[in-house]
Amino acid sequence: MNVAITEKGQGLMEYALILVLVAVIVLVILVLIGPAVGTMFSSVIREV
């Protein structure tokens, strides 16, 4: 019984770690691409 609970908790931790890793990757991409997107929107607004 304890083994099943431990394995279930381990599975949840693996999903949590994957979720955190994906969130960090998305944040890094947004930080790197953010200024370029802002510049693009600014130029589009200026032309309209």
Protein backbone atom coordinates (compact mmCIF):
# COMPACT_ATOMS: atom_id res chain seq x y z
CA MET A 1 0.00 0.00 0.00
CA ASN A 2 2.78 2.46 0.83
CA VAL A 3 4.54 1.65 -2.43
CA ALA A 4 1.45 2.65 -4.43
CA ILE A 5 1.16 5.95 -2.57
CA THR A 6 4.86 6.67 -3.10
CA GLU A 7 4.63 5.90 -6.82
CA LYS A 8 1.54 8.10 -7.18
CA GLY A 9 3.34 10.95 -5.43
CA GLN A 10 6.37 10.43 -7.62
CA GLY A 11 4.20 10.64 -10.75
CA LEU A 12 2.67 13.89 -9.53
CA MET A 13 6.12 15.32 -8.83
CA GLU A 14 7.26 14.40 -12.34
CA TYR A 15 4.25 16.19 -13.86
CA ALA A 16 4.91 19.21 -11.63
CA LEU A 17 8.56 19.35 -12.69
CA ILE A 18 7.61 19.11 -16.36
CA LEU A 19 5.06 21.89 -15.88
CA VAL A 20 7.64 24.11 -14.18
CA LEU A 21 10.16 23.39 -16.94
CA VAL A 22 7.64 24.34 -19.64
CA ALA A 23 6.74 27.53 -17.74
CA VAL A 24 10.41 28.53 -17.47
CA ILE A 25 10.98 27.88 -21.18
CA VAL A 26 7.93 29.99 -22.09
CA LEU A 27 9.11 32.83 -19.85
CA VAL A 28 12.59 32.79 -21.37
CA ILE A 29 11.13 32.87 -24.88
CA LEU A 30 8.85 35.77 -23.96
CA VAL A 31 11.73 37.72 -22.42
CA LEU A 32 13.87 37.18 -25.51
CA ILE A 33 11.16 37.83 -28.10
CA GLY A 34 9.14 40.41 -26.14
CA PRO A 35 11.04 43.53 -27.19
CA ALA A 36 10.88 42.52 -30.86
CA VAL A 37 7.13 41.99 -30.65
CA GLY A 38 6.72 45.35 -28.92
CA THR A 39 8.72 47.07 -31.64
CA MET A 40 6.65 45.36 -34.32
CA PHE A 41 3.37 46.48 -32.73
CA SER A 42 4.70 50.02 -32.33
CA SER A 43 5.64 50.21 -35.99
CA VAL A 44 2.24 48.86 -37.05
CA ILE A 45 0.45 51.44 -34.87
CA ARG A 46 2.59 54.25 -36.29
CA GLU A 47 1.73 53.23 -39.87
CA VAL A 48 -2.01 53.09 -39.21
